[in-house]
ModelCIF file with pLDDT and N, C-alpha, C, O atoms, coordinates in Angstrom:
data_MODEL
#
_entry.id   MODEL 
#
_entity.id                         1 
_entity.type                       polymer 
_entity.pdbx_number_of_molecules   1 
#
_entity_poly.entity_id                      1 
_entity_poly.type                           'polypeptide(L)' 
_entity_poly.nstd_linkage                   no 
_entity_poly.nstd_monomer                   no 
_entity_poly.pdbx_seq_one_letter_code       FYQASVKGRFTISRDNANNMVYLQMNSLQPEDTAIYYCA 
_entity_poly.pdbx_seq_one_letter_code_can   FYQASVKGRFTISRDNANNMVYLQMNSLQPEDTAIYYCA 
_entity_poly.pdbx_strand_id                 A 
#
loop_
_entity_poly_seq.entity_id 
_entity_poly_seq.num 
_entity_poly_seq.mon_id 
_entity_poly_seq.hetero 
1 1  PHE n 
1 2  TYR n 
1 3  GLN n 
1 4  ALA n 
1 5  SER n 
1 6  VAL n 
1 7  LYS n 
1 8  GLY n 
1 9  ARG n 
1 10 PHE n 
1 11 THR n 
1 12 ILE n 
1 13 SER n 
1 14 ARG n 
1 15 ASP n 
1 16 ASN n 
1 17 ALA n 
1 18 ASN n 
1 19 ASN n 
1 20 MET n 
1 21 VAL n 
1 22 TYR n 
1 23 LEU n 
1 24 GLN n 
1 25 MET n 
1 26 ASN n 
1 27 SER n 
1 28 LEU n 
1 29 GLN n 
1 30 PRO n 
1 31 GLU n 
1 32 ASP n 
1 33 THR n 
1 34 ALA n 
1 35 ILE n 
1 36 TYR n 
1 37 TYR n 
1 38 CYS n 
1 39 ALA n 
#
_struct_asym.id          A 
_struct_asym.entity_id   1 
#
loop_
_ma_qa_metric.id 
_ma_qa_metric.mode 
_ma_qa_metric.name 
_ma_qa_metric.software_group_id 
_ma_qa_metric.type 
1 global pLDDT . pLDDT 
2 local  pLDDT . pLDDT 
#
_ma_qa_metric_global.metric_id      1 
_ma_qa_metric_global.metric_value   95.62 
_ma_qa_metric_global.model_id       1 
_ma_qa_metric_global.ordinal_id     1 
#
loop_
_ma_qa_metric_local.label_asym_id 
_ma_qa_metric_local.label_comp_id 
_ma_qa_metric_local.label_seq_id 
_ma_qa_metric_local.metric_id 
_ma_qa_metric_local.metric_value 
_ma_qa_metric_local.model_id 
_ma_qa_metric_local.ordinal_id 
A PHE 1  2 87.00 1 1  
A TYR 2  2 92.00 1 2  
A GLN 3  2 92.00 1 3  
A ALA 4  2 95.00 1 4  
A SER 5  2 96.00 1 5  
A VAL 6  2 96.00 1 6  
A LYS 7  2 94.00 1 7  
A GLY 8  2 95.00 1 8  
A ARG 9  2 97.00 1 9  
A PHE 10 2 96.00 1 10 
A THR 11 2 95.00 1 11 
A ILE 12 2 93.00 1 12 
A SER 13 2 92.00 1 13 
A ARG 14 2 91.00 1 14 
A ASP 15 2 92.00 1 15 
A ASN 16 2 92.00 1 16 
A ALA 17 2 93.00 1 17 
A ASN 18 2 96.00 1 18 
A ASN 19 2 96.00 1 19 
A MET 20 2 96.00 1 20 
A VAL 21 2 96.00 1 21 
A TYR 22 2 96.00 1 22 
A LEU 23 2 97.00 1 23 
A GLN 24 2 97.00 1 24 
A MET 25 2 98.00 1 25 
A ASN 26 2 98.00 1 26 
A SER 27 2 98.00 1 27 
A LEU 28 2 98.00 1 28 
A GLN 29 2 98.00 1 29 
A PRO 30 2 98.00 1 30 
A GLU 31 2 97.00 1 31 
A ASP 32 2 98.00 1 32 
A THR 33 2 98.00 1 33 
A ALA 34 2 98.00 1 34 
A ILE 35 2 98.00 1 35 
A TYR 36 2 98.00 1 36 
A TYR 37 2 98.00 1 37 
A CYS 38 2 97.00 1 38 
A ALA 39 2 97.00 1 39 
#
loop_
_atom_site.group_PDB 
_atom_site.id 
_atom_site.type_symbol 
_atom_site.label_atom_id 
_atom_site.label_alt_id 
_atom_site.label_comp_id 
_atom_site.label_asym_id 
_atom_site.label_entity_id 
_atom_site.label_seq_id 
_atom_site.pdbx_PDB_ins_code 
_atom_site.Cartn_x 
_atom_site.Cartn_y 
_atom_site.Cartn_z 
_atom_site.occupancy 
_atom_site.B_iso_or_equiv 
_atom_site.pdbx_formal_charge 
_atom_site.auth_seq_id 
_atom_site.auth_comp_id 
_atom_site.auth_asym_id 
_atom_site.auth_atom_id 
_atom_site.pdbx_PDB_model_num 
ATOM 1   N N  . PHE A 1 1  ? -9.438  16.007 -26.189 1.00 87.00 ? 1  PHE A N  1 
ATOM 2   C CA . PHE A 1 1  ? -9.225  15.289 -27.429 1.00 87.00 ? 1  PHE A CA 1 
ATOM 3   C C  . PHE A 1 1  ? -10.390 14.360 -27.742 1.00 87.00 ? 1  PHE A C  1 
ATOM 4   O O  . PHE A 1 1  ? -10.922 13.689 -26.858 1.00 87.00 ? 1  PHE A O  1 
ATOM 5   N N  . TYR A 1 2  ? -10.777 14.331 -29.015 1.00 92.00 ? 2  TYR A N  1 
ATOM 6   C CA . TYR A 1 2  ? -11.692 13.330 -29.544 1.00 92.00 ? 2  TYR A CA 1 
ATOM 7   C C  . TYR A 1 2  ? -11.132 12.819 -30.853 1.00 92.00 ? 2  TYR A C  1 
ATOM 8   O O  . TYR A 1 2  ? -10.629 13.591 -31.669 1.00 92.00 ? 2  TYR A O  1 
ATOM 9   N N  . GLN A 1 3  ? -11.219 11.524 -31.048 1.00 92.00 ? 3  GLN A N  1 
ATOM 10  C CA . GLN A 1 3  ? -10.889 10.951 -32.335 1.00 92.00 ? 3  GLN A CA 1 
ATOM 11  C C  . GLN A 1 3  ? -11.817 11.587 -33.369 1.00 92.00 ? 3  GLN A C  1 
ATOM 12  O O  . GLN A 1 3  ? -13.011 11.756 -33.121 1.00 92.00 ? 3  GLN A O  1 
ATOM 13  N N  . ALA A 1 4  ? -11.259 11.937 -34.531 1.00 95.00 ? 4  ALA A N  1 
ATOM 14  C CA . ALA A 1 4  ? -12.044 12.641 -35.541 1.00 95.00 ? 4  ALA A CA 1 
ATOM 15  C C  . ALA A 1 4  ? -13.297 11.876 -35.944 1.00 95.00 ? 4  ALA A C  1 
ATOM 16  O O  . ALA A 1 4  ? -14.336 12.484 -36.203 1.00 95.00 ? 4  ALA A O  1 
ATOM 17  N N  . SER A 1 5  ? -13.211 10.568 -35.999 1.00 96.00 ? 5  SER A N  1 
ATOM 18  C CA . SER A 1 5  ? -14.336 9.758  -36.443 1.00 96.00 ? 5  SER A CA 1 
ATOM 19  C C  . SER A 1 5  ? -15.494 9.725  -35.452 1.00 96.00 ? 5  SER A C  1 
ATOM 20  O O  . SER A 1 5  ? -16.603 9.330  -35.812 1.00 96.00 ? 5  SER A O  1 
ATOM 21  N N  . VAL A 1 6  ? -15.251 10.135 -34.208 1.00 96.00 ? 6  VAL A N  1 
ATOM 22  C CA . VAL A 1 6  ? -16.310 10.100 -33.199 1.00 96.00 ? 6  VAL A CA 1 
ATOM 23  C C  . VAL A 1 6  ? -16.734 11.487 -32.745 1.00 96.00 ? 6  VAL A C  1 
ATOM 24  O O  . VAL A 1 6  ? -17.726 11.622 -32.029 1.00 96.00 ? 6  VAL A O  1 
ATOM 25  N N  . LYS A 1 7  ? -16.009 12.509 -33.144 1.00 94.00 ? 7  LYS A N  1 
ATOM 26  C CA . LYS A 1 7  ? -16.320 13.872 -32.719 1.00 94.00 ? 7  LYS A CA 1 
ATOM 27  C C  . LYS A 1 7  ? -17.737 14.243 -33.148 1.00 94.00 ? 7  LYS A C  1 
ATOM 28  O O  . LYS A 1 7  ? -18.122 14.054 -34.302 1.00 94.00 ? 7  LYS A O  1 
ATOM 29  N N  . GLY A 1 8  ? -18.498 14.771 -32.206 1.00 95.00 ? 8  GLY A N  1 
ATOM 30  C CA . GLY A 1 8  ? -19.884 15.121 -32.464 1.00 95.00 ? 8  GLY A CA 1 
ATOM 31  C C  . GLY A 1 8  ? -20.855 14.003 -32.160 1.00 95.00 ? 8  GLY A C  1 
ATOM 32  O O  . GLY A 1 8  ? -22.060 14.236 -32.069 1.00 95.00 ? 8  GLY A O  1 
ATOM 33  N N  . ARG A 1 9  ? -20.348 12.790 -32.002 1.00 97.00 ? 9  ARG A N  1 
ATOM 34  C CA . ARG A 1 9  ? -21.196 11.643 -31.686 1.00 97.00 ? 9  ARG A CA 1 
ATOM 35  C C  . ARG A 1 9  ? -20.941 11.113 -30.273 1.00 97.00 ? 9  ARG A C  1 
ATOM 36  O O  . ARG A 1 9  ? -21.868 10.672 -29.593 1.00 97.00 ? 9  ARG A O  1 
ATOM 37  N N  . PHE A 1 10 ? -19.683 11.160 -29.839 1.00 96.00 ? 10 PHE A N  1 
ATOM 38  C CA . PHE A 1 10 ? -19.302 10.651 -28.527 1.00 96.00 ? 10 PHE A CA 1 
ATOM 39  C C  . PHE A 1 10 ? -18.981 11.809 -27.597 1.00 96.00 ? 10 PHE A C  1 
ATOM 40  O O  . PHE A 1 10 ? -18.497 12.852 -28.038 1.00 96.00 ? 10 PHE A O  1 
ATOM 41  N N  . THR A 1 11 ? -19.249 11.626 -26.315 1.00 95.00 ? 11 THR A N  1 
ATOM 42  C CA . THR A 1 11 ? -18.917 12.620 -25.303 1.00 95.00 ? 11 THR A CA 1 
ATOM 43  C C  . THR A 1 11 ? -18.312 11.938 -24.090 1.00 95.00 ? 11 THR A C  1 
ATOM 44  O O  . THR A 1 11 ? -18.903 11.015 -23.529 1.00 95.00 ? 11 THR A O  1 
ATOM 45  N N  . ILE A 1 12 ? -17.129 12.395 -23.684 1.00 93.00 ? 12 ILE A N  1 
ATOM 46  C CA . ILE A 1 12 ? -16.515 11.898 -22.463 1.00 93.00 ? 12 ILE A CA 1 
ATOM 47  C C  . ILE A 1 12 ? -16.850 12.850 -21.325 1.00 93.00 ? 12 ILE A C  1 
ATOM 48  O O  . ILE A 1 12 ? -16.857 14.067 -21.508 1.00 93.00 ? 12 ILE A O  1 
ATOM 49  N N  . SER A 1 13 ? -17.123 12.301 -20.162 1.00 92.00 ? 13 SER A N  1 
ATOM 50  C CA . SER A 1 13 ? -17.384 13.113 -18.989 1.00 92.00 ? 13 SER A CA 1 
ATOM 51  C C  . SER A 1 13 ? -16.877 12.384 -17.758 1.00 92.00 ? 13 SER A C  1 
ATOM 52  O O  . SER A 1 13 ? -16.683 11.169 -17.780 1.00 92.00 ? 13 SER A O  1 
ATOM 53  N N  . ARG A 1 14 ? -16.663 13.132 -16.687 1.00 91.00 ? 14 ARG A N  1 
ATOM 54  C CA . ARG A 1 14 ? -16.161 12.519 -15.466 1.00 91.00 ? 14 ARG A CA 1 
ATOM 55  C C  . ARG A 1 14 ? -16.867 13.080 -14.248 1.00 91.00 ? 14 ARG A C  1 
ATOM 56  O O  . ARG A 1 14 ? -17.296 14.234 -14.230 1.00 91.00 ? 14 ARG A O  1 
ATOM 57  N N  . ASP A 1 15 ? -16.978 12.245 -13.239 1.00 92.00 ? 15 ASP A N  1 
ATOM 58  C CA . ASP A 1 15 ? -17.574 12.604 -11.963 1.00 92.00 ? 15 ASP A CA 1 
ATOM 59  C C  . ASP A 1 15 ? -16.519 12.314 -10.906 1.00 92.00 ? 15 ASP A C  1 
ATOM 60  O O  . ASP A 1 15 ? -16.420 11.196 -10.400 1.00 92.00 ? 15 ASP A O  1 
ATOM 61  N N  . ASN A 1 16 ? -15.727 13.340 -10.578 1.00 92.00 ? 16 ASN A N  1 
ATOM 62  C CA . ASN A 1 16 ? -14.609 13.143 -9.660  1.00 92.00 ? 16 ASN A CA 1 
ATOM 63  C C  . ASN A 1 16 ? -15.054 12.758 -8.254  1.00 92.00 ? 16 ASN A C  1 
ATOM 64  O O  . ASN A 1 16 ? -14.344 12.036 -7.554  1.00 92.00 ? 16 ASN A O  1 
ATOM 65  N N  . ALA A 1 17 ? -16.219 13.234 -7.840  1.00 93.00 ? 17 ALA A N  1 
ATOM 66  C CA . ALA A 1 17 ? -16.716 12.931 -6.502  1.00 93.00 ? 17 ALA A CA 1 
ATOM 67  C C  . ALA A 1 17 ? -17.001 11.449 -6.336  1.00 93.00 ? 17 ALA A C  1 
ATOM 68  O O  . ALA A 1 17 ? -16.925 10.917 -5.229  1.00 93.00 ? 17 ALA A O  1 
ATOM 69  N N  . ASN A 1 18 ? -17.330 10.783 -7.433  1.00 96.00 ? 18 ASN A N  1 
ATOM 70  C CA . ASN A 1 18 ? -17.679 9.370  -7.378  1.00 96.00 ? 18 ASN A CA 1 
ATOM 71  C C  . ASN A 1 18 ? -16.696 8.474  -8.117  1.00 96.00 ? 18 ASN A C  1 
ATOM 72  O O  . ASN A 1 18 ? -16.962 7.288  -8.312  1.00 96.00 ? 18 ASN A O  1 
ATOM 73  N N  . ASN A 1 19 ? -15.564 9.033  -8.527  1.00 96.00 ? 19 ASN A N  1 
ATOM 74  C CA . ASN A 1 19 ? -14.512 8.269  -9.206  1.00 96.00 ? 19 ASN A CA 1 
ATOM 75  C C  . ASN A 1 19 ? -15.045 7.534  -10.428 1.00 96.00 ? 19 ASN A C  1 
ATOM 76  O O  . ASN A 1 19 ? -14.792 6.344  -10.614 1.00 96.00 ? 19 ASN A O  1 
ATOM 77  N N  . MET A 1 20 ? -15.788 8.263  -11.259 1.00 96.00 ? 20 MET A N  1 
ATOM 78  C CA . MET A 1 20 ? -16.391 7.673  -12.445 1.00 96.00 ? 20 MET A CA 1 
ATOM 79  C C  . MET A 1 20 ? -16.050 8.485  -13.685 1.00 96.00 ? 20 MET A C  1 
ATOM 80  O O  . MET A 1 20 ? -15.972 9.713  -13.633 1.00 96.00 ? 20 MET A O  1 
ATOM 81  N N  . VAL A 1 21 ? -15.851 7.800  -14.786 1.00 96.00 ? 21 VAL A N  1 
ATOM 82  C CA . VAL A 1 21 ? -15.735 8.438  -16.084 1.00 96.00 ? 21 VAL A CA 1 
ATOM 83  C C  . VAL A 1 21 ? -16.677 7.711  -17.036 1.00 96.00 ? 21 VAL A C  1 
ATOM 84  O O  . VAL A 1 21 ? -16.848 6.495  -16.953 1.00 96.00 ? 21 VAL A O  1 
ATOM 85  N N  . TYR A 1 22 ? -17.282 8.475  -17.938 1.00 96.00 ? 22 TYR A N  1 
ATOM 86  C CA . TYR A 1 22 ? -18.286 7.928  -18.832 1.00 96.00 ? 22 TYR A CA 1 
ATOM 87  C C  . TYR A 1 22 ? -17.945 8.232  -20.280 1.00 96.00 ? 22 TYR A C  1 
ATOM 88  O O  . TYR A 1 22 ? -17.221 9.182  -20.579 1.00 96.00 ? 22 TYR A O  1 
ATOM 89  N N  . LEU A 1 23 ? -18.474 7.415  -21.165 1.00 97.00 ? 23 LEU A N  1 
ATOM 90  C CA . LEU A 1 23 ? -18.412 7.686  -22.589 1.00 97.00 ? 23 LEU A CA 1 
ATOM 91  C C  . LEU A 1 23 ? -19.808 7.490  -23.156 1.00 97.00 ? 23 LEU A C  1 
ATOM 92  O O  . LEU A 1 23 ? -20.283 6.363  -23.297 1.00 97.00 ? 23 LEU A O  1 
ATOM 93  N N  . GLN A 1 24 ? -20.457 8.596  -23.478 1.00 97.00 ? 24 GLN A N  1 
ATOM 94  C CA . GLN A 1 24 ? -21.762 8.551  -24.117 1.00 97.00 ? 24 GLN A CA 1 
ATOM 95  C C  . GLN A 1 24 ? -21.553 8.427  -25.614 1.00 97.00 ? 24 GLN A C  1 
ATOM 96  O O  . GLN A 1 24 ? -20.890 9.267  -26.223 1.00 97.00 ? 24 GLN A O  1 
ATOM 97  N N  . MET A 1 25 ? -22.111 7.389  -26.207 1.00 98.00 ? 25 MET A N  1 
ATOM 98  C CA . MET A 1 25 ? -21.923 7.107  -27.621 1.00 98.00 ? 25 MET A CA 1 
ATOM 99  C C  . MET A 1 25 ? -23.273 7.142  -28.322 1.00 98.00 ? 25 MET A C  1 
ATOM 100 O O  . MET A 1 25 ? -24.161 6.346  -28.018 1.00 98.00 ? 25 MET A O  1 
ATOM 101 N N  . ASN A 1 26 ? -23.420 8.064  -29.258 1.00 98.00 ? 26 ASN A N  1 
ATOM 102 C CA . ASN A 1 26 ? -24.639 8.208  -30.035 1.00 98.00 ? 26 ASN A CA 1 
ATOM 103 C C  . ASN A 1 26 ? -24.363 7.954  -31.511 1.00 98.00 ? 26 ASN A C  1 
ATOM 104 O O  . ASN A 1 26 ? -23.217 8.001  -31.957 1.00 98.00 ? 26 ASN A O  1 
ATOM 105 N N  . SER A 1 27 ? -25.415 7.687  -32.252 1.00 98.00 ? 27 SER A N  1 
ATOM 106 C CA . SER A 1 27 ? -25.304 7.445  -33.698 1.00 98.00 ? 27 SER A CA 1 
ATOM 107 C C  . SER A 1 27 ? -24.226 6.423  -34.009 1.00 98.00 ? 27 SER A C  1 
ATOM 108 O O  . SER A 1 27 ? -23.383 6.639  -34.880 1.00 98.00 ? 27 SER A O  1 
ATOM 109 N N  . LEU A 1 28 ? -24.259 5.323  -33.301 1.00 98.00 ? 28 LEU A N  1 
ATOM 110 C CA . LEU A 1 28 ? -23.234 4.299  -33.453 1.00 98.00 ? 28 LEU A CA 1 
ATOM 111 C C  . LEU A 1 28 ? -23.247 3.683  -34.846 1.00 98.00 ? 28 LEU A C  1 
ATOM 112 O O  . LEU A 1 28 ? -24.303 3.500  -35.452 1.00 98.00 ? 28 LEU A O  1 
ATOM 113 N N  . GLN A 1 29 ? -22.066 3.371  -35.335 1.00 98.00 ? 29 GLN A N  1 
ATOM 114 C CA . GLN A 1 29 ? -21.870 2.779  -36.641 1.00 98.00 ? 29 GLN A CA 1 
ATOM 115 C C  . GLN A 1 29 ? -21.144 1.453  -36.497 1.00 98.00 ? 29 GLN A C  1 
ATOM 116 O O  . GLN A 1 29 ? -20.458 1.235  -35.499 1.00 98.00 ? 29 GLN A O  1 
ATOM 117 N N  . PRO A 1 30 ? -21.283 0.549  -37.489 1.00 98.00 ? 30 PRO A N  1 
ATOM 118 C CA . PRO A 1 30 ? -20.554 -0.721 -37.400 1.00 98.00 ? 30 PRO A CA 1 
ATOM 119 C C  . PRO A 1 30 ? -19.055 -0.546 -37.203 1.00 98.00 ? 30 PRO A C  1 
ATOM 120 O O  . PRO A 1 30 ? -18.414 -1.387 -36.573 1.00 98.00 ? 30 PRO A O  1 
ATOM 121 N N  . GLU A 1 31 ? -18.488 0.531  -37.730 1.00 97.00 ? 31 GLU A N  1 
ATOM 122 C CA . GLU A 1 31 ? -17.066 0.807  -37.586 1.00 97.00 ? 31 GLU A CA 1 
ATOM 123 C C  . GLU A 1 31 ? -16.664 1.118  -36.150 1.00 97.00 ? 31 GLU A C  1 
ATOM 124 O O  . GLU A 1 31 ? -15.474 1.135  -35.835 1.00 97.00 ? 31 GLU A O  1 
ATOM 125 N N  . ASP A 1 32 ? -17.632 1.364  -35.280 1.00 98.00 ? 32 ASP A N  1 
ATOM 126 C CA . ASP A 1 32 ? -17.349 1.607  -33.872 1.00 98.00 ? 32 ASP A CA 1 
ATOM 127 C C  . ASP A 1 32 ? -17.187 0.309  -33.090 1.00 98.00 ? 32 ASP A C  1 
ATOM 128 O O  . ASP A 1 32 ? -16.825 0.340  -31.914 1.00 98.00 ? 32 ASP A O  1 
ATOM 129 N N  . THR A 1 33 ? -17.448 -0.816 -33.717 1.00 98.00 ? 33 THR A N  1 
ATOM 130 C CA . THR A 1 33 ? -17.318 -2.106 -33.050 1.00 98.00 ? 33 THR A CA 1 
ATOM 131 C C  . THR A 1 33 ? -15.883 -2.316 -32.588 1.00 98.00 ? 33 THR A C  1 
ATOM 132 O O  . THR A 1 33 ? -14.950 -2.239 -33.388 1.00 98.00 ? 33 THR A O  1 
ATOM 133 N N  . ALA A 1 34 ? -15.708 -2.580 -31.297 1.00 98.00 ? 34 ALA A N  1 
ATOM 134 C CA . ALA A 1 34 ? -14.376 -2.740 -30.721 1.00 98.00 ? 34 ALA A CA 1 
ATOM 135 C C  . ALA A 1 34 ? -14.511 -3.075 -29.246 1.00 98.00 ? 34 ALA A C  1 
ATOM 136 O O  . ALA A 1 34 ? -15.597 -2.986 -28.673 1.00 98.00 ? 34 ALA A O  1 
ATOM 137 N N  . ILE A 1 35 ? -13.397 -3.461 -28.639 1.00 98.00 ? 35 ILE A N  1 
ATOM 138 C CA . ILE A 1 35 ? -13.318 -3.500 -27.193 1.00 98.00 ? 35 ILE A CA 1 
ATOM 139 C C  . ILE A 1 35 ? -12.910 -2.108 -26.739 1.00 98.00 ? 35 ILE A C  1 
ATOM 140 O O  . ILE A 1 35 ? -11.929 -1.549 -27.229 1.00 98.00 ? 35 ILE A O  1 
ATOM 141 N N  . TYR A 1 36 ? -13.657 -1.558 -25.811 1.00 98.00 ? 36 TYR A N  1 
ATOM 142 C CA . TYR A 1 36 ? -13.391 -0.220 -25.304 1.00 98.00 ? 36 TYR A CA 1 
ATOM 143 C C  . TYR A 1 36 ? -12.731 -0.309 -23.936 1.00 98.00 ? 36 TYR A C  1 
ATOM 144 O O  . TYR A 1 36 ? -13.207 -1.016 -23.047 1.00 98.00 ? 36 TYR A O  1 
ATOM 145 N N  . TYR A 1 37 ? -11.622 0.422  -23.777 1.00 98.00 ? 37 TYR A N  1 
ATOM 146 C CA . TYR A 1 37 ? -10.838 0.391  -22.554 1.00 98.00 ? 37 TYR A CA 1 
ATOM 147 C C  . TYR A 1 37 ? -10.816 1.750  -21.871 1.00 98.00 ? 37 TYR A C  1 
ATOM 148 O O  . TYR A 1 37 ? -10.700 2.787  -22.524 1.00 98.00 ? 37 TYR A O  1 
ATOM 149 N N  . CYS A 1 38 ? -10.927 1.731  -20.577 1.00 97.00 ? 38 CYS A N  1 
ATOM 150 C CA . CYS A 1 38 ? -10.746 2.908  -19.749 1.00 97.00 ? 38 CYS A CA 1 
ATOM 151 C C  . CYS A 1 38 ? -9.289  2.958  -19.289 1.00 97.00 ? 38 CYS A C  1 
ATOM 152 O O  . CYS A 1 38 ? -8.700  1.925  -18.971 1.00 97.00 ? 38 CYS A O  1 
ATOM 153 N N  . ALA A 1 39 ? -8.707  4.165  -19.253 1.00 97.00 ? 39 ALA A N  1 
ATOM 154 C CA . ALA A 1 39 ? -7.325  4.312  -18.823 1.00 97.00 ? 39 ALA A CA 1 
ATOM 155 C C  . ALA A 1 39 ? -7.155  5.570  -17.982 1.00 97.00 ? 39 ALA A C  1 
ATOM 156 O O  . ALA A 1 39 ? -6.050  5.864  -17.526 1.00 97.00 ? 39 ALA A O  1 
#
């Protein structure tokens, strides 16, 4: 799943061996301003 407003700009990925998840955010817009939470 990707929120429609971020599809094509954001990419989620995970590294299970290192217990890490990432969010690569490109072409950021002022509307992306927020607190971002991992869950």
